[in-house]
Amino acid sequence: MAVFLALIVPLPYTIKRKLFAFISESPIIAKLQYGLKITFIFILILFLDSVNRVYRVQQELSAFTKDGSSLGAAHLGTDRMEVQARKFYSQRNMYLCGFTLFLSLILNRTYIMILEVLRLEDRVKLLEGDKKAGGKDSARVAEAGSLGEIGALKKKIEEKDRDIETLKKQCEGLTREYHKLGDEVSSGKSDKKDKKDL
């Protein structure tokens, strides 16, 4: 619960970012997390064992209620109290292990969600042009500026595309004229050869 409270305590963005960067990159914390995973595996085994014990004790208790008439009242009372006590301890262990496992899932999910929020906050700051966001593209995004500048650049690109289309059409017209003149010149040379041969 203390770790959970430490995860959700409101901290300034820079402190929280440094803290989670330390947690994510520290080899000591990685070994601690590995040890916790092993511990939670043991708790899972204890949880399954406690569920099995609760089931067995419940069967034993139901057997006492069926066989209650054949035994003496004093003997039945002490045996039944012993079974009730074992049922209580088994249920207590089951609840403790179950809640501990549930808390471990909550801690893991909270940690992942906080890391995701920090990553998204970095991305938002990067896209807004904050140079302190620490990305490689932050200077480029800051140079690009606001949406108005981007819109003006898009208009310039559209004008350049229109100019390129106009140049292509002019090039096609000039190519046609060149081929036409080439055909005329070649037909003129062939006419001169025919006149010489005669």
N, C-alpha and C. Protein backbone atom coordinates (compact mmCIF):
# COMPACT_ATOMS: atom_id res chain seq x y z
N MET A 1 0.83 -1.19 0.00
CA MET A 1 0.00 0.00 0.00
C MET A 1 0.87 1.25 0.00
N ALA A 2 2.02 1.18 0.69
CA ALA A 2 2.93 2.32 0.71
C ALA A 2 3.51 2.58 -0.69
N VAL A 3 3.84 1.50 -1.42
CA VAL A 3 4.34 1.67 -2.79
C VAL A 3 3.26 2.25 -3.67
N PHE A 4 2.04 1.79 -3.50
CA PHE A 4 0.93 2.32 -4.29
C PHE A 4 0.74 3.81 -4.01
N LEU A 5 0.77 4.20 -2.75
CA LEU A 5 0.64 5.62 -2.41
C LEU A 5 1.80 6.43 -2.97
N ALA A 6 3.01 5.86 -2.96
CA ALA A 6 4.16 6.56 -3.51
C ALA A 6 4.02 6.74 -5.02
N LEU A 7 3.38 5.78 -5.68
CA LEU A 7 3.18 5.91 -7.13
C LEU A 7 2.18 7.00 -7.48
N ILE A 8 1.13 7.13 -6.67
CA ILE A 8 0.05 8.05 -7.06
C ILE A 8 0.17 9.42 -6.42
N VAL A 9 1.18 9.64 -5.57
CA VAL A 9 1.30 10.95 -4.94
C VAL A 9 1.59 11.99 -6.02
N PRO A 10 0.91 13.14 -5.96
CA PRO A 10 1.12 14.16 -7.00
C PRO A 10 2.49 14.84 -6.81
N LEU A 11 3.32 14.74 -7.84
CA LEU A 11 4.64 15.35 -7.83
C LEU A 11 4.76 16.25 -9.06
N PRO A 12 5.68 17.23 -9.01
CA PRO A 12 5.92 18.00 -10.23
C PRO A 12 6.40 17.10 -11.36
N TYR A 13 6.12 17.54 -12.57
CA TYR A 13 6.39 16.70 -13.74
C TYR A 13 7.86 16.29 -13.84
N THR A 14 8.76 17.21 -13.66
CA THR A 14 10.19 16.89 -13.82
C THR A 14 10.66 15.89 -12.77
N ILE A 15 10.19 16.05 -11.54
CA ILE A 15 10.59 15.12 -10.47
C ILE A 15 10.02 13.74 -10.75
N LYS A 16 8.76 13.69 -11.14
CA LYS A 16 8.12 12.41 -11.43
C LYS A 16 8.82 11.72 -12.60
N ARG A 17 9.18 12.49 -13.63
CA ARG A 17 9.87 11.92 -14.79
C ARG A 17 11.23 11.35 -14.40
N LYS A 18 11.98 12.08 -13.59
CA LYS A 18 13.29 11.59 -13.15
C LYS A 18 13.14 10.36 -12.26
N LEU A 19 12.15 10.37 -11.39
CA LEU A 19 11.92 9.23 -10.50
C LEU A 19 11.59 7.97 -11.29
N PHE A 20 10.69 8.09 -12.25
CA PHE A 20 10.31 6.91 -13.02
C PHE A 20 11.41 6.49 -13.99
N ALA A 21 12.21 7.43 -14.46
CA ALA A 21 13.37 7.06 -15.28
C ALA A 21 14.35 6.26 -14.43
N PHE A 22 14.55 6.68 -13.18
CA PHE A 22 15.43 5.94 -12.28
C PHE A 22 14.88 4.54 -12.02
N ILE A 23 13.58 4.45 -11.76
CA ILE A 23 12.97 3.15 -11.48
C ILE A 23 13.08 2.23 -12.70
N SER A 24 12.89 2.79 -13.89
CA SER A 24 12.92 1.97 -15.10
C SER A 24 14.33 1.52 -15.47
N GLU A 25 15.34 2.32 -15.16
CA GLU A 25 16.70 2.03 -15.64
C GLU A 25 17.63 1.47 -14.58
N SER A 26 17.26 1.54 -13.31
CA SER A 26 18.16 1.11 -12.25
C SER A 26 18.27 -0.42 -12.18
N PRO A 27 19.49 -0.95 -12.16
CA PRO A 27 19.63 -2.42 -12.05
C PRO A 27 19.22 -2.94 -10.68
N ILE A 28 19.36 -2.12 -9.65
CA ILE A 28 18.95 -2.54 -8.30
C ILE A 28 17.44 -2.70 -8.25
N ILE A 29 16.72 -1.74 -8.82
CA ILE A 29 15.26 -1.82 -8.85
C ILE A 29 14.82 -3.01 -9.71
N ALA A 30 15.55 -3.29 -10.79
CA ALA A 30 15.20 -4.43 -11.64
C ALA A 30 15.33 -5.74 -10.85
N LYS A 31 16.40 -5.86 -10.04
CA LYS A 31 16.55 -7.06 -9.22
C LYS A 31 15.46 -7.14 -8.16
N LEU A 32 15.10 -5.99 -7.60
CA LEU A 32 14.02 -5.95 -6.61
C LEU A 32 12.69 -6.37 -7.25
N GLN A 33 12.42 -5.89 -8.46
CA GLN A 33 11.20 -6.28 -9.15
C GLN A 33 11.19 -7.77 -9.45
N TYR A 34 12.33 -8.32 -9.83
CA TYR A 34 12.43 -9.76 -10.08
C TYR A 34 12.14 -10.55 -8.81
N GLY A 35 12.69 -10.08 -7.69
CA GLY A 35 12.42 -10.73 -6.40
C GLY A 35 10.96 -10.65 -6.02
N LEU A 36 10.33 -9.51 -6.32
CA LEU A 36 8.90 -9.37 -6.02
C LEU A 36 8.05 -10.30 -6.88
N LYS A 37 8.46 -10.48 -8.13
CA LYS A 37 7.71 -11.41 -8.99
C LYS A 37 7.78 -12.83 -8.44
N ILE A 38 8.95 -13.23 -7.98
CA ILE A 38 9.09 -14.56 -7.39
C ILE A 38 8.24 -14.67 -6.12
N THR A 39 8.25 -13.60 -5.32
CA THR A 39 7.44 -13.59 -4.09
C THR A 39 5.95 -13.73 -4.42
N PHE A 40 5.50 -13.03 -5.45
CA PHE A 40 4.09 -13.11 -5.81
C PHE A 40 3.74 -14.47 -6.40
N ILE A 41 4.69 -15.15 -6.99
CA ILE A 41 4.44 -16.53 -7.45
C ILE A 41 4.22 -17.43 -6.24
N PHE A 42 5.05 -17.24 -5.20
CA PHE A 42 4.85 -18.02 -3.97
C PHE A 42 3.51 -17.69 -3.32
N ILE A 43 3.13 -16.43 -3.35
CA ILE A 43 1.83 -16.04 -2.77
C ILE A 43 0.70 -16.67 -3.57
N LEU A 44 0.86 -16.78 -4.89
CA LEU A 44 -0.15 -17.45 -5.71
C LEU A 44 -0.28 -18.91 -5.31
N ILE A 45 0.85 -19.56 -5.07
CA ILE A 45 0.82 -20.96 -4.62
C ILE A 45 0.13 -21.07 -3.26
N LEU A 46 0.44 -20.15 -2.35
CA LEU A 46 -0.23 -20.15 -1.04
C LEU A 46 -1.73 -19.90 -1.18
N PHE A 47 -2.11 -19.04 -2.11
CA PHE A 47 -3.52 -18.76 -2.34
C PHE A 47 -4.24 -20.02 -2.82
N LEU A 48 -3.64 -20.72 -3.78
CA LEU A 48 -4.26 -21.95 -4.27
C LEU A 48 -4.34 -23.00 -3.16
N ASP A 49 -3.31 -23.08 -2.34
CA ASP A 49 -3.33 -24.02 -1.21
C ASP A 49 -4.42 -23.66 -0.21
N SER A 50 -4.57 -22.36 0.07
CA SER A 50 -5.59 -21.95 1.04
C SER A 50 -7.00 -22.19 0.50
N VAL A 51 -7.20 -22.02 -0.81
CA VAL A 51 -8.51 -22.33 -1.40
C VAL A 51 -8.80 -23.82 -1.25
N ASN A 52 -7.77 -24.64 -1.50
CA ASN A 52 -7.93 -26.09 -1.34
C ASN A 52 -8.25 -26.45 0.11
N ARG A 53 -7.59 -25.81 1.07
CA ARG A 53 -7.86 -26.10 2.49
C ARG A 53 -9.27 -25.67 2.90
N VAL A 54 -9.69 -24.51 2.40
CA VAL A 54 -11.05 -24.06 2.72
C VAL A 54 -12.06 -25.08 2.20
N TYR A 55 -11.83 -25.59 1.01
CA TYR A 55 -12.74 -26.59 0.44
C TYR A 55 -12.76 -27.86 1.28
N ARG A 56 -11.57 -28.34 1.69
CA ARG A 56 -11.49 -29.58 2.50
C ARG A 56 -12.14 -29.38 3.86
N VAL A 57 -11.90 -28.24 4.49
CA VAL A 57 -12.48 -27.98 5.82
C VAL A 57 -14.00 -27.87 5.70
N GLN A 58 -14.46 -27.27 4.61
CA GLN A 58 -15.91 -27.15 4.41
C GLN A 58 -16.54 -28.55 4.27
N GLN A 59 -15.86 -29.43 3.58
CA GLN A 59 -16.37 -30.80 3.46
C GLN A 59 -16.36 -31.50 4.81
N GLU A 60 -15.30 -31.28 5.59
CA GLU A 60 -15.20 -31.88 6.93
C GLU A 60 -16.33 -31.37 7.82
N LEU A 61 -16.61 -30.09 7.73
CA LEU A 61 -17.66 -29.48 8.55
C LEU A 61 -19.03 -30.04 8.15
N SER A 62 -19.25 -30.21 6.87
CA SER A 62 -20.54 -30.78 6.45
C SER A 62 -20.65 -32.25 6.87
N ALA A 63 -19.52 -32.95 6.95
CA ALA A 63 -19.55 -34.34 7.44
C ALA A 63 -19.92 -34.38 8.91
N PHE A 64 -19.44 -33.40 9.70
CA PHE A 64 -19.81 -33.35 11.14
C PHE A 64 -21.30 -33.10 11.32
N THR A 65 -21.88 -32.29 10.50
CA THR A 65 -23.31 -32.03 10.66
C THR A 65 -24.14 -33.26 10.30
N LYS A 66 -23.65 -34.09 9.36
CA LYS A 66 -24.39 -35.31 9.00
C LYS A 66 -24.24 -36.39 10.07
N ASP A 67 -23.01 -36.48 10.63
CA ASP A 67 -22.73 -37.54 11.61
C ASP A 67 -22.96 -37.09 13.05
N GLY A 68 -23.61 -36.00 13.26
CA GLY A 68 -23.77 -35.44 14.61
C GLY A 68 -24.55 -36.32 15.55
N SER A 69 -25.42 -37.14 15.06
CA SER A 69 -26.26 -37.95 15.95
C SER A 69 -25.52 -39.15 16.53
N SER A 70 -24.49 -39.65 15.84
CA SER A 70 -23.83 -40.88 16.31
C SER A 70 -22.79 -40.61 17.39
N LEU A 71 -22.23 -39.42 17.50
CA LEU A 71 -21.20 -39.12 18.49
C LEU A 71 -21.80 -38.43 19.71
N GLY A 72 -21.03 -38.42 20.80
CA GLY A 72 -21.48 -37.73 22.00
C GLY A 72 -21.46 -36.23 21.81
N ALA A 73 -22.27 -35.53 22.59
CA ALA A 73 -22.39 -34.09 22.42
C ALA A 73 -21.11 -33.37 22.79
N ALA A 74 -20.40 -33.79 23.84
CA ALA A 74 -19.17 -33.12 24.26
C ALA A 74 -18.06 -33.33 23.23
N HIS A 75 -17.94 -34.56 22.76
CA HIS A 75 -16.90 -34.85 21.76
C HIS A 75 -17.19 -34.12 20.45
N LEU A 76 -18.45 -34.07 20.08
CA LEU A 76 -18.86 -33.39 18.86
C LEU A 76 -18.57 -31.90 18.95
N GLY A 77 -18.80 -31.30 20.11
CA GLY A 77 -18.58 -29.86 20.28
C GLY A 77 -17.13 -29.47 20.13
N THR A 78 -16.20 -30.23 20.75
CA THR A 78 -14.77 -29.87 20.63
C THR A 78 -14.25 -30.11 19.22
N ASP A 79 -14.68 -31.20 18.60
CA ASP A 79 -14.22 -31.47 17.22
C ASP A 79 -14.77 -30.41 16.26
N ARG A 80 -16.02 -30.06 16.49
CA ARG A 80 -16.63 -29.05 15.61
C ARG A 80 -15.95 -27.71 15.79
N MET A 81 -15.58 -27.35 17.03
CA MET A 81 -14.88 -26.08 17.26
C MET A 81 -13.51 -26.09 16.60
N GLU A 82 -12.84 -27.25 16.65
CA GLU A 82 -11.54 -27.35 16.00
C GLU A 82 -11.68 -27.16 14.49
N VAL A 83 -12.69 -27.77 13.90
CA VAL A 83 -12.92 -27.63 12.45
C VAL A 83 -13.30 -26.19 12.12
N GLN A 84 -14.11 -25.57 12.97
CA GLN A 84 -14.48 -24.16 12.75
C GLN A 84 -13.25 -23.26 12.81
N ALA A 85 -12.36 -23.52 13.76
CA ALA A 85 -11.12 -22.72 13.87
C ALA A 85 -10.25 -22.91 12.63
N ARG A 86 -10.12 -24.16 12.16
CA ARG A 86 -9.34 -24.38 10.94
C ARG A 86 -9.98 -23.72 9.73
N LYS A 87 -11.31 -23.72 9.70
CA LYS A 87 -12.01 -23.04 8.60
C LYS A 87 -11.73 -21.54 8.65
N PHE A 88 -11.77 -20.96 9.84
CA PHE A 88 -11.48 -19.53 9.98
C PHE A 88 -10.07 -19.21 9.52
N TYR A 89 -9.06 -19.97 9.94
CA TYR A 89 -7.67 -19.72 9.56
C TYR A 89 -7.47 -19.91 8.05
N SER A 90 -8.10 -20.93 7.50
CA SER A 90 -7.98 -21.16 6.06
C SER A 90 -8.61 -20.02 5.26
N GLN A 91 -9.78 -19.57 5.71
CA GLN A 91 -10.43 -18.46 5.01
C GLN A 91 -9.61 -17.17 5.15
N ARG A 92 -9.06 -16.95 6.35
CA ARG A 92 -8.22 -15.77 6.55
C ARG A 92 -7.02 -15.79 5.61
N ASN A 93 -6.35 -16.93 5.52
CA ASN A 93 -5.19 -17.04 4.63
C ASN A 93 -5.60 -16.85 3.16
N MET A 94 -6.74 -17.39 2.81
CA MET A 94 -7.20 -17.23 1.43
C MET A 94 -7.47 -15.77 1.10
N TYR A 95 -8.13 -15.05 2.01
CA TYR A 95 -8.42 -13.64 1.77
C TYR A 95 -7.14 -12.80 1.74
N LEU A 96 -6.22 -13.06 2.66
CA LEU A 96 -4.97 -12.30 2.68
C LEU A 96 -4.16 -12.51 1.40
N CYS A 97 -4.04 -13.77 1.00
CA CYS A 97 -3.28 -14.06 -0.23
C CYS A 97 -3.99 -13.48 -1.46
N GLY A 98 -5.30 -13.60 -1.49
CA GLY A 98 -6.06 -13.07 -2.62
C GLY A 98 -5.94 -11.56 -2.74
N PHE A 99 -6.08 -10.87 -1.61
CA PHE A 99 -5.97 -9.41 -1.65
C PHE A 99 -4.54 -8.97 -2.00
N THR A 100 -3.55 -9.73 -1.54
CA THR A 100 -2.16 -9.40 -1.86
C THR A 100 -1.92 -9.56 -3.36
N LEU A 101 -2.43 -10.63 -3.95
CA LEU A 101 -2.30 -10.82 -5.40
C LEU A 101 -3.02 -9.73 -6.17
N PHE A 102 -4.21 -9.39 -5.71
CA PHE A 102 -4.97 -8.33 -6.37
C PHE A 102 -4.23 -6.99 -6.28
N LEU A 103 -3.64 -6.71 -5.13
CA LEU A 103 -2.88 -5.48 -4.96
C LEU A 103 -1.66 -5.47 -5.87
N SER A 104 -1.03 -6.63 -6.06
CA SER A 104 0.13 -6.68 -6.97
C SER A 104 -0.29 -6.37 -8.40
N LEU A 105 -1.45 -6.86 -8.82
CA LEU A 105 -1.95 -6.53 -10.16
C LEU A 105 -2.25 -5.05 -10.29
N ILE A 106 -2.84 -4.47 -9.23
CA ILE A 106 -3.14 -3.03 -9.25
C ILE A 106 -1.85 -2.22 -9.32
N LEU A 107 -0.84 -2.62 -8.54
CA LEU A 107 0.45 -1.90 -8.57
C LEU A 107 1.09 -1.97 -9.95
N ASN A 108 1.11 -3.13 -10.53
CA ASN A 108 1.71 -3.29 -11.85
C ASN A 108 0.98 -2.45 -12.90
N ARG A 109 -0.33 -2.50 -12.88
CA ARG A 109 -1.12 -1.75 -13.87
C ARG A 109 -0.96 -0.24 -13.65
N THR A 110 -0.94 0.20 -12.40
CA THR A 110 -0.76 1.62 -12.10
C THR A 110 0.60 2.10 -12.59
N TYR A 111 1.64 1.31 -12.34
CA TYR A 111 2.99 1.66 -12.79
C TYR A 111 3.04 1.81 -14.31
N ILE A 112 2.44 0.86 -15.03
CA ILE A 112 2.43 0.91 -16.49
C ILE A 112 1.64 2.13 -16.98
N MET A 113 0.51 2.42 -16.34
CA MET A 113 -0.29 3.57 -16.76
C MET A 113 0.44 4.89 -16.51
N ILE A 114 1.15 5.00 -15.40
CA ILE A 114 1.89 6.23 -15.12
C ILE A 114 3.02 6.41 -16.13
N LEU A 115 3.71 5.32 -16.48
CA LEU A 115 4.75 5.41 -17.51
C LEU A 115 4.16 5.86 -18.85
N GLU A 116 2.99 5.34 -19.18
CA GLU A 116 2.33 5.73 -20.43
C GLU A 116 1.93 7.20 -20.40
N VAL A 117 1.42 7.67 -19.27
CA VAL A 117 1.05 9.08 -19.15
C VAL A 117 2.28 9.97 -19.30
N LEU A 118 3.38 9.59 -18.68
CA LEU A 118 4.61 10.37 -18.81
C LEU A 118 5.10 10.40 -20.26
N ARG A 119 5.01 9.26 -20.94
CA ARG A 119 5.43 9.21 -22.34
C ARG A 119 4.55 10.11 -23.20
N LEU A 120 3.23 10.09 -22.95
CA LEU A 120 2.33 10.94 -23.71
C LEU A 120 2.52 12.42 -23.39
N GLU A 121 2.83 12.75 -22.13
CA GLU A 121 3.11 14.14 -21.78
C GLU A 121 4.37 14.63 -22.48
N ASP A 122 5.39 13.77 -22.57
CA ASP A 122 6.60 14.13 -23.32
C ASP A 122 6.27 14.40 -24.78
N ARG A 123 5.44 13.55 -25.34
CA ARG A 123 5.08 13.72 -26.75
C ARG A 123 4.29 15.01 -26.97
N VAL A 124 3.37 15.32 -26.07
CA VAL A 124 2.59 16.56 -26.19
C VAL A 124 3.51 17.76 -26.10
N LYS A 125 4.43 17.74 -25.14
CA LYS A 125 5.36 18.86 -25.01
C LYS A 125 6.25 18.98 -26.23
N LEU A 126 6.63 17.85 -26.80
CA LEU A 126 7.46 17.85 -28.00
C LEU A 126 6.70 18.46 -29.17
N LEU A 127 5.43 18.09 -29.32
CA LEU A 127 4.64 18.61 -30.42
C LEU A 127 4.26 20.08 -30.23
N GLU A 128 4.18 20.51 -28.98
CA GLU A 128 3.89 21.92 -28.72
C GLU A 128 5.12 22.79 -28.91
N GLY A 129 6.29 22.16 -29.06
CA GLY A 129 7.49 22.94 -29.32
C GLY A 129 8.29 23.27 -28.09
N ASP A 130 8.10 22.54 -27.02
CA ASP A 130 8.87 22.78 -25.80
C ASP A 130 10.26 22.18 -25.97
N LYS A 131 11.28 23.01 -25.94
CA LYS A 131 12.65 22.53 -26.15
C LYS A 131 13.14 21.70 -24.97
N LYS A 132 12.51 21.83 -23.82
CA LYS A 132 12.93 21.07 -22.63
C LYS A 132 12.38 19.64 -22.65
N ALA A 133 11.54 19.33 -23.64
CA ALA A 133 10.95 17.99 -23.69
C ALA A 133 12.00 16.92 -23.95
N GLY A 134 13.11 17.32 -24.54
CA GLY A 134 14.23 16.39 -24.63
C GLY A 134 14.23 15.49 -25.84
N GLY A 135 13.44 15.78 -26.85
CA GLY A 135 13.45 14.94 -28.04
C GLY A 135 14.38 15.49 -29.10
N LYS A 136 14.76 14.67 -30.07
CA LYS A 136 15.62 15.11 -31.15
C LYS A 136 14.88 16.05 -32.08
N ASP A 137 13.59 15.83 -32.21
CA ASP A 137 12.81 16.62 -33.15
C ASP A 137 12.26 17.91 -32.56
N SER A 138 12.57 18.19 -31.30
CA SER A 138 11.98 19.37 -30.66
C SER A 138 12.42 20.65 -31.33
N ALA A 139 13.68 20.75 -31.76
CA ALA A 139 14.14 21.97 -32.43
C ALA A 139 13.46 22.11 -33.78
N ARG A 140 13.30 21.00 -34.51
CA ARG A 140 12.67 21.04 -35.80
C ARG A 140 11.20 21.44 -35.68
N VAL A 141 10.52 20.89 -34.67
CA VAL A 141 9.12 21.23 -34.46
C VAL A 141 8.99 22.69 -34.04
N ALA A 142 9.93 23.16 -33.21
CA ALA A 142 9.90 24.56 -32.79
C ALA A 142 10.12 25.49 -33.97
N GLU A 143 11.00 25.09 -34.92
CA GLU A 143 11.24 25.91 -36.10
C GLU A 143 10.01 25.97 -36.98
N ALA A 144 9.31 24.84 -37.09
CA ALA A 144 8.13 24.81 -37.94
C ALA A 144 7.06 25.75 -37.41
N GLY A 145 7.01 25.86 -36.10
CA GLY A 145 6.13 26.85 -35.48
C GLY A 145 4.69 26.44 -35.41
N SER A 146 3.87 27.44 -35.53
CA SER A 146 2.44 27.26 -35.30
C SER A 146 1.74 26.70 -36.54
N LEU A 147 0.46 26.49 -36.38
CA LEU A 147 -0.34 25.96 -37.48
C LEU A 147 -0.45 26.95 -38.63
N GLY A 148 -0.40 28.23 -38.36
CA GLY A 148 -0.45 29.25 -39.41
C GLY A 148 0.73 29.14 -40.35
N GLU A 149 1.91 28.93 -39.81
CA GLU A 149 3.09 28.77 -40.63
C GLU A 149 3.00 27.49 -41.47
N ILE A 150 2.49 26.44 -40.87
CA ILE A 150 2.34 25.19 -41.60
C ILE A 150 1.35 25.36 -42.74
N GLY A 151 0.26 26.07 -42.50
CA GLY A 151 -0.72 26.35 -43.55
C GLY A 151 -0.11 27.16 -44.69
N ALA A 152 0.72 28.16 -44.35
CA ALA A 152 1.37 28.97 -45.38
C ALA A 152 2.32 28.12 -46.21
N LEU A 153 3.03 27.21 -45.54
CA LEU A 153 3.95 26.33 -46.26
C LEU A 153 3.18 25.38 -47.18
N LYS A 154 2.03 24.92 -46.75
CA LYS A 154 1.21 24.05 -47.61
C LYS A 154 0.74 24.80 -48.84
N LYS A 155 0.37 26.09 -48.69
CA LYS A 155 -0.04 26.89 -49.85
C LYS A 155 1.11 27.06 -50.82
N LYS A 156 2.32 27.29 -50.30
CA LYS A 156 3.49 27.42 -51.18
C LYS A 156 3.75 26.13 -51.94
N ILE A 157 3.56 25.00 -51.26
CA ILE A 157 3.74 23.71 -51.93
C ILE A 157 2.72 23.54 -53.04
N GLU A 158 1.46 23.94 -52.80
CA GLU A 158 0.43 23.85 -53.84
C GLU A 158 0.77 24.74 -55.03
N GLU A 159 1.30 25.95 -54.77
CA GLU A 159 1.70 26.84 -55.87
C GLU A 159 2.82 26.20 -56.67
N LYS A 160 3.78 25.61 -56.00
CA LYS A 160 4.90 24.96 -56.70
C LYS A 160 4.40 23.78 -57.52
N ASP A 161 3.43 23.03 -57.00
CA ASP A 161 2.86 21.91 -57.77
C ASP A 161 2.18 22.42 -59.03
N ARG A 162 1.45 23.55 -58.93
CA ARG A 162 0.81 24.14 -60.12
C ARG A 162 1.87 24.59 -61.13
N ASP A 163 2.95 25.20 -60.63
CA ASP A 163 4.03 25.63 -61.52
C ASP A 163 4.66 24.43 -62.24
N ILE A 164 4.82 23.32 -61.53
CA ILE A 164 5.39 22.12 -62.13
C ILE A 164 4.47 21.59 -63.23
N GLU A 165 3.16 21.58 -62.96
CA GLU A 165 2.20 21.12 -63.97
C GLU A 165 2.25 22.01 -65.21
N THR A 166 2.35 23.32 -65.01
CA THR A 166 2.44 24.26 -66.13
C THR A 166 3.70 23.99 -66.95
N LEU A 167 4.82 23.77 -66.26
CA LEU A 167 6.08 23.48 -66.95
C LEU A 167 6.00 22.18 -67.73
N LYS A 168 5.33 21.18 -67.18
CA LYS A 168 5.17 19.92 -67.89
C LYS A 168 4.38 20.12 -69.18
N LYS A 169 3.30 20.91 -69.11
CA LYS A 169 2.49 21.17 -70.31
C LYS A 169 3.31 21.93 -71.35
N GLN A 170 4.10 22.91 -70.91
CA GLN A 170 4.94 23.66 -71.84
C GLN A 170 5.97 22.73 -72.48
N CYS A 171 6.54 21.83 -71.68
CA CYS A 171 7.53 20.88 -72.18
C CYS A 171 6.92 19.96 -73.24
N GLU A 172 5.70 19.50 -72.99
CA GLU A 172 5.02 18.64 -73.97
C GLU A 172 4.77 19.40 -75.28
N GLY A 173 4.34 20.66 -75.17
CA GLY A 173 4.10 21.48 -76.37
C GLY A 173 5.39 21.70 -77.15
N LEU A 174 6.47 22.02 -76.45
CA LEU A 174 7.76 22.23 -77.11
C LEU A 174 8.26 20.94 -77.76
N THR A 175 8.05 19.80 -77.13
CA THR A 175 8.47 18.52 -77.70
C THR A 175 7.70 18.23 -78.98
N ARG A 176 6.41 18.50 -79.00
CA ARG A 176 5.60 18.30 -80.21
C ARG A 176 6.09 19.19 -81.35
N GLU A 177 6.35 20.45 -80.99
CA GLU A 177 6.84 21.38 -82.02
C GLU A 177 8.20 20.94 -82.55
N TYR A 178 9.06 20.44 -81.68
CA TYR A 178 10.39 19.99 -82.09
C TYR A 178 10.27 18.82 -83.06
N HIS A 179 9.40 17.85 -82.72
CA HIS A 179 9.22 16.70 -83.60
C HIS A 179 8.60 17.12 -84.94
N LYS A 180 7.69 18.06 -84.89
CA LYS A 180 7.04 18.56 -86.12
C LYS A 180 8.08 19.21 -87.03
N LEU A 181 8.93 20.08 -86.43
CA LEU A 181 9.97 20.74 -87.22
C LEU A 181 10.99 19.72 -87.73
N GLY A 182 11.29 18.74 -86.90
CA GLY A 182 12.23 17.70 -87.33
C GLY A 182 11.68 16.92 -88.51
N ASP A 183 10.39 16.61 -88.47
CA ASP A 183 9.77 15.90 -89.59
C ASP A 183 9.80 16.76 -90.85
N GLU A 184 9.53 18.07 -90.72
CA GLU A 184 9.54 18.97 -91.87
C GLU A 184 10.94 19.07 -92.47
N VAL A 185 11.94 19.17 -91.62
CA VAL A 185 13.32 19.28 -92.10
C VAL A 185 13.73 17.99 -92.79
N SER A 186 13.39 16.86 -92.21
CA SER A 186 13.78 15.58 -92.82
C SER A 186 13.04 15.37 -94.13
N SER A 187 11.79 15.80 -94.24
CA SER A 187 11.05 15.66 -95.49
C SER A 187 11.62 16.62 -96.54
N GLY A 188 12.10 17.78 -96.11
CA GLY A 188 12.74 18.73 -97.03
C GLY A 188 14.04 18.17 -97.58
N LYS A 189 14.84 17.49 -96.80
CA LYS A 189 16.10 16.89 -97.25
C LYS A 189 15.84 15.75 -98.24
N SER A 190 14.79 14.96 -97.98
CA SER A 190 14.48 13.87 -98.89
C SER A 190 14.00 14.38 -100.24
N ASP A 191 13.30 15.54 -100.26
CA ASP A 191 12.87 16.15 -101.50
C ASP A 191 14.07 16.59 -102.32
N LYS A 192 15.10 17.16 -101.64
CA LYS A 192 16.30 17.63 -102.34
C LYS A 192 17.06 16.45 -102.93
N LYS A 193 17.13 15.30 -102.21
CA LYS A 193 17.81 14.13 -102.74
C LYS A 193 17.10 13.61 -103.98
N ASP A 194 15.78 13.61 -103.96
CA ASP A 194 15.00 13.14 -105.11
C ASP A 194 15.27 14.01 -106.33
N LYS A 195 15.38 15.34 -106.14
CA LYS A 195 15.63 16.23 -107.26
C LYS A 195 17.02 16.02 -107.82
N LYS A 196 18.03 15.74 -106.96
CA LYS A 196 19.39 15.51 -107.43
C LYS A 196 19.46 14.22 -108.24
N ASP A 197 18.76 13.19 -107.82
CA ASP A 197 18.81 11.90 -108.50
C ASP A 197 18.20 12.00 -109.90
N LEU A 198 17.26 12.90 -110.11
CA LEU A 198 16.61 13.04 -111.42
C LEU A 198 17.53 13.77 -112.33
